[in-house]
Amino acid sequence: QVQLVESGGGAMQAGESLTASCATSTAISAVDVVGWYRQAPGAQRELIATLARGEEVNYVPSMEGRFTVSKDDDKNTMYLQRIGLKVEDTGVYLCFVIIKGAYFWGRGIQVTVSS
């Protein structure tokens, strides 16, 4: 069983920057795909970006330019960055990995942005 633990987020002000981390219990370099989702209040979960092994980050068009996804293989950790938070960025942010077709999820972190 792969475990993912997110950190970061919380109560933030508009204009601040978010850096969320997701530490994995397995070697992230061996994972097929890593990525992040966001679930805004009352909305469906929406994909932010995926990063497949050996490839560049693939952002959903509506998220490109707003978020930055990266990973550190040495630390087995992936990151999500957002510079200049807006109130509409409020939501739960979840990391996931895909290993041989199986999804593993973090519990998510709450990010609440106030004006």
C-alpha atoms as a PDB file:
ATOM      1  CA  GLN A   1       0.000   0.000   0.000  1.00  0.00           C
ATOM      2  CA  VAL A   2       1.399   3.377  -1.028  1.00  0.00           C
ATOM      3  CA  GLN A   3       0.871   6.231   1.376  1.00  0.00           C
ATOM      4  CA  LEU A   4       0.846   9.884   0.416  1.00  0.00           C
ATOM      5  CA  VAL A   5       0.986  12.646   2.999  1.00  0.00           C
ATOM      6  CA  GLU A   6       0.287  16.246   2.008  1.00  0.00           C
ATOM      7  CA  SER A   7       1.423  19.289   3.910  1.00  0.00           C
ATOM      8  CA  GLY A   8       1.061  23.029   3.508  1.00  0.00           C
ATOM      9  CA  GLY A   9      -1.980  25.160   2.932  1.00  0.00           C
ATOM     10  CA  GLY A  10      -4.357  26.285   5.655  1.00  0.00           C
ATOM     11  CA  ALA A  11      -5.778  29.763   6.057  1.00  0.00           C
ATOM     12  CA  MET A  12      -4.139  32.155   3.610  1.00  0.00           C
ATOM     13  CA  GLN A  13      -4.593  35.662   2.291  1.00  0.00           C
ATOM     14  CA  ALA A  14      -5.209  36.593  -1.304  1.00  0.00           C
ATOM     15  CA  GLY A  15      -1.925  37.425  -2.985  1.00  0.00           C
ATOM     16  CA  GLU A  16       0.109  35.030  -0.871  1.00  0.00           C
ATOM     17  CA  SER A  17       1.909  32.056  -2.339  1.00  0.00           C
ATOM     18  CA  LEU A  18       1.098  28.426  -1.701  1.00  0.00           C
ATOM     19  CA  THR A  19       3.582  25.609  -1.650  1.00  0.00           C
ATOM     20  CA  ALA A  20       2.043  22.239  -0.951  1.00  0.00           C
ATOM     21  CA  SER A  21       4.079  19.089  -0.562  1.00  0.00           C
ATOM     22  CA  CYS A  22       3.148  15.459  -0.970  1.00  0.00           C
ATOM     23  CA  ALA A  23       5.534  12.893   0.450  1.00  0.00           C
ATOM     24  CA  THR A  24       5.213   9.351  -0.852  1.00  0.00           C
ATOM     25  CA  SER A  25       6.079   6.114   0.924  1.00  0.00           C
ATOM     26  CA  THR A  26       7.426   4.637  -2.283  1.00  0.00           C
ATOM     27  CA  ALA A  27      10.198   5.682  -4.647  1.00  0.00           C
ATOM     28  CA  ILE A  28       8.561   8.462  -6.604  1.00  0.00           C
ATOM     29  CA  SER A  29      11.028   7.960  -9.450  1.00  0.00           C
ATOM     30  CA  ALA A  30       9.449   4.545 -10.071  1.00  0.00           C
ATOM     31  CA  VAL A  31       5.878   5.803 -10.079  1.00  0.00           C
ATOM     32  CA  ASP A  32       4.158   5.940 -13.456  1.00  0.00           C
ATOM     33  CA  VAL A  33       2.306   9.221 -12.919  1.00  0.00           C
ATOM     34  CA  VAL A  34       2.057  11.814 -10.151  1.00  0.00           C
ATOM     35  CA  GLY A  35      -0.349  14.703 -10.032  1.00  0.00           C
ATOM     36  CA  TRP A  36      -2.653  17.049  -8.176  1.00  0.00           C
ATOM     37  CA  TYR A  37      -6.385  17.626  -8.073  1.00  0.00           C
ATOM     38  CA  ARG A  38      -8.384  20.431  -6.536  1.00  0.00           C
ATOM     39  CA  GLN A  39     -11.916  20.294  -5.187  1.00  0.00           C
ATOM     40  CA  ALA A  40     -13.532  23.663  -4.631  1.00  0.00           C
ATOM     41  CA  PRO A  41     -16.515  23.936  -2.268  1.00  0.00           C
ATOM     42  CA  GLY A  42     -19.623  22.498  -3.900  1.00  0.00           C
ATOM     43  CA  ALA A  43     -17.728  21.626  -7.067  1.00  0.00           C
ATOM     44  CA  GLN A  44     -16.419  18.470  -8.631  1.00  0.00           C
ATOM     45  CA  ARG A  45     -12.830  17.468  -8.274  1.00  0.00           C
ATOM     46  CA  GLU A  46     -10.760  19.010 -11.054  1.00  0.00           C
ATOM     47  CA  LEU A  47      -7.380  17.966 -12.317  1.00  0.00           C
ATOM     48  CA  ILE A  48      -4.569  20.487 -12.100  1.00  0.00           C
ATOM     49  CA  ALA A  49      -1.683  18.628 -13.704  1.00  0.00           C
ATOM     50  CA  THR A  50      -0.001  15.293 -14.151  1.00  0.00           C
ATOM     51  CA  LEU A  51       3.644  14.381 -14.445  1.00  0.00           C
ATOM     52  CA  ALA A  52       4.417  11.062 -16.051  1.00  0.00           C
ATOM     53  CA  ARG A  53       7.769   9.396 -15.544  1.00  0.00           C
ATOM     54  CA  GLY A  54      10.262  10.707 -18.050  1.00  0.00           C
ATOM     55  CA  GLU A  55       7.945  13.378 -19.389  1.00  0.00           C
ATOM     56  CA  GLU A  56       7.214  17.050 -18.845  1.00  0.00           C
ATOM     57  CA  VAL A  57       4.416  18.290 -16.627  1.00  0.00           C
ATOM     58  CA  ASN A  58       1.060  18.246 -18.377  1.00  0.00           C
ATOM     59  CA  TYR A  59      -1.239  21.001 -17.130  1.00  0.00           C
ATOM     60  CA  VAL A  60      -4.954  21.217 -17.703  1.00  0.00           C
ATOM     61  CA  PRO A  61      -5.341  24.298 -19.961  1.00  0.00           C
ATOM     62  CA  SER A  62      -7.371  26.227 -17.394  1.00  0.00           C
ATOM     63  CA  MET A  63      -4.652  25.636 -14.789  1.00  0.00           C
ATOM     64  CA  GLU A  64      -1.588  26.326 -16.910  1.00  0.00           C
ATOM     65  CA  GLY A  65       0.257  29.454 -15.892  1.00  0.00           C
ATOM     66  CA  ARG A  66      -1.445  29.464 -12.495  1.00  0.00           C
ATOM     67  CA  PHE A  67       0.105  26.420 -10.844  1.00  0.00           C
ATOM     68  CA  THR A  68       3.524  24.812 -10.932  1.00  0.00           C
ATOM     69  CA  VAL A  69       3.936  21.097 -10.303  1.00  0.00           C
ATOM     70  CA  SER A  70       7.285  19.492  -9.663  1.00  0.00           C
ATOM     71  CA  LYS A  71       8.862  16.553  -7.866  1.00  0.00           C
ATOM     72  CA  ASP A  72      12.060  15.725  -6.088  1.00  0.00           C
ATOM     73  CA  ASP A  73      13.036  12.107  -6.652  1.00  0.00           C
ATOM     74  CA  ASP A  74      15.647  12.198  -3.904  1.00  0.00           C
ATOM     75  CA  LYS A  75      13.044  13.258  -1.347  1.00  0.00           C
ATOM     76  CA  ASN A  76      10.205  11.158  -2.795  1.00  0.00           C
ATOM     77  CA  THR A  77       8.110  14.296  -2.703  1.00  0.00           C
ATOM     78  CA  MET A  78       5.990  16.194  -5.214  1.00  0.00           C
ATOM     79  CA  TYR A  79       5.084  19.847  -4.979  1.00  0.00           C
ATOM     80  CA  LEU A  80       2.337  22.200  -5.992  1.00  0.00           C
ATOM     81  CA  GLN A  81       2.981  25.932  -6.120  1.00  0.00           C
ATOM     82  CA  ARG A  82       0.619  28.804  -6.689  1.00  0.00           C
ATOM     83  CA  ILE A  83       1.858  32.367  -6.689  1.00  0.00           C
ATOM     84  CA  GLY A  84      -0.708  35.072  -6.052  1.00  0.00           C
ATOM     85  CA  LEU A  85      -3.544  33.117  -4.504  1.00  0.00           C
ATOM     86  CA  LYS A  86      -7.075  34.207  -5.208  1.00  0.00           C
ATOM     87  CA  VAL A  87     -10.220  33.599  -3.203  1.00  0.00           C
ATOM     88  CA  GLU A  88     -11.395  31.193  -5.890  1.00  0.00           C
ATOM     89  CA  ASP A  89      -8.380  28.993  -5.171  1.00  0.00           C
ATOM     90  CA  THR A  90     -10.096  27.925  -1.967  1.00  0.00           C
ATOM     91  CA  GLY A  91     -10.571  24.191  -1.819  1.00  0.00           C
ATOM     92  CA  VAL A  92      -9.078  20.858  -0.929  1.00  0.00           C
ATOM     93  CA  TYR A  93      -5.923  19.944  -2.799  1.00  0.00           C
ATOM     94  CA  LEU A  94      -5.140  16.276  -3.258  1.00  0.00           C
ATOM     95  CA  CYS A  95      -2.075  14.556  -4.605  1.00  0.00           C
ATOM     96  CA  PHE A  96      -2.147  11.182  -6.283  1.00  0.00           C
ATOM     97  CA  VAL A  97       0.107   8.656  -7.911  1.00  0.00           C
ATOM     98  CA  ILE A  98      -0.638   5.968 -10.453  1.00  0.00           C
ATOM     99  CA  ILE A  99       1.279   2.712 -10.302  1.00  0.00           C
ATOM    100  CA  LYS A 100       0.476   0.086 -12.939  1.00  0.00           C
ATOM    101  CA  GLY A 101      -3.017   1.511 -13.321  1.00  0.00           C
ATOM    102  CA  ALA A 102      -3.774   1.717  -9.596  1.00  0.00           C
ATOM    103  CA  TYR A 103      -4.486   5.099  -8.044  1.00  0.00           C
ATOM    104  CA  PHE A 104      -3.249   6.066  -4.611  1.00  0.00           C
ATOM    105  CA  TRP A 105      -4.425   9.273  -2.966  1.00  0.00           C
ATOM    106  CA  GLY A 106      -3.391  11.594  -0.241  1.00  0.00           C
ATOM    107  CA  ARG A 107      -6.027  12.766   2.244  1.00  0.00           C
ATOM    108  CA  GLY A 108      -5.904  16.278   0.919  1.00  0.00           C
ATOM    109  CA  ILE A 109      -5.106  19.643   2.420  1.00  0.00           C
ATOM    110  CA  GLN A 110      -7.542  22.461   2.931  1.00  0.00           C
ATOM    111  CA  VAL A 111      -6.572  25.825   1.485  1.00  0.00           C
ATOM    112  CA  THR A 112      -8.835  28.703   2.445  1.00  0.00           C
ATOM    113  CA  VAL A 113      -8.051  32.022   0.801  1.00  0.00           C
ATOM    114  CA  SER A 114      -9.602  35.171   2.190  1.00  0.00           C
ATOM    115  CA  SER A 115      -9.548  38.637   0.687  1.00  0.00           C
END
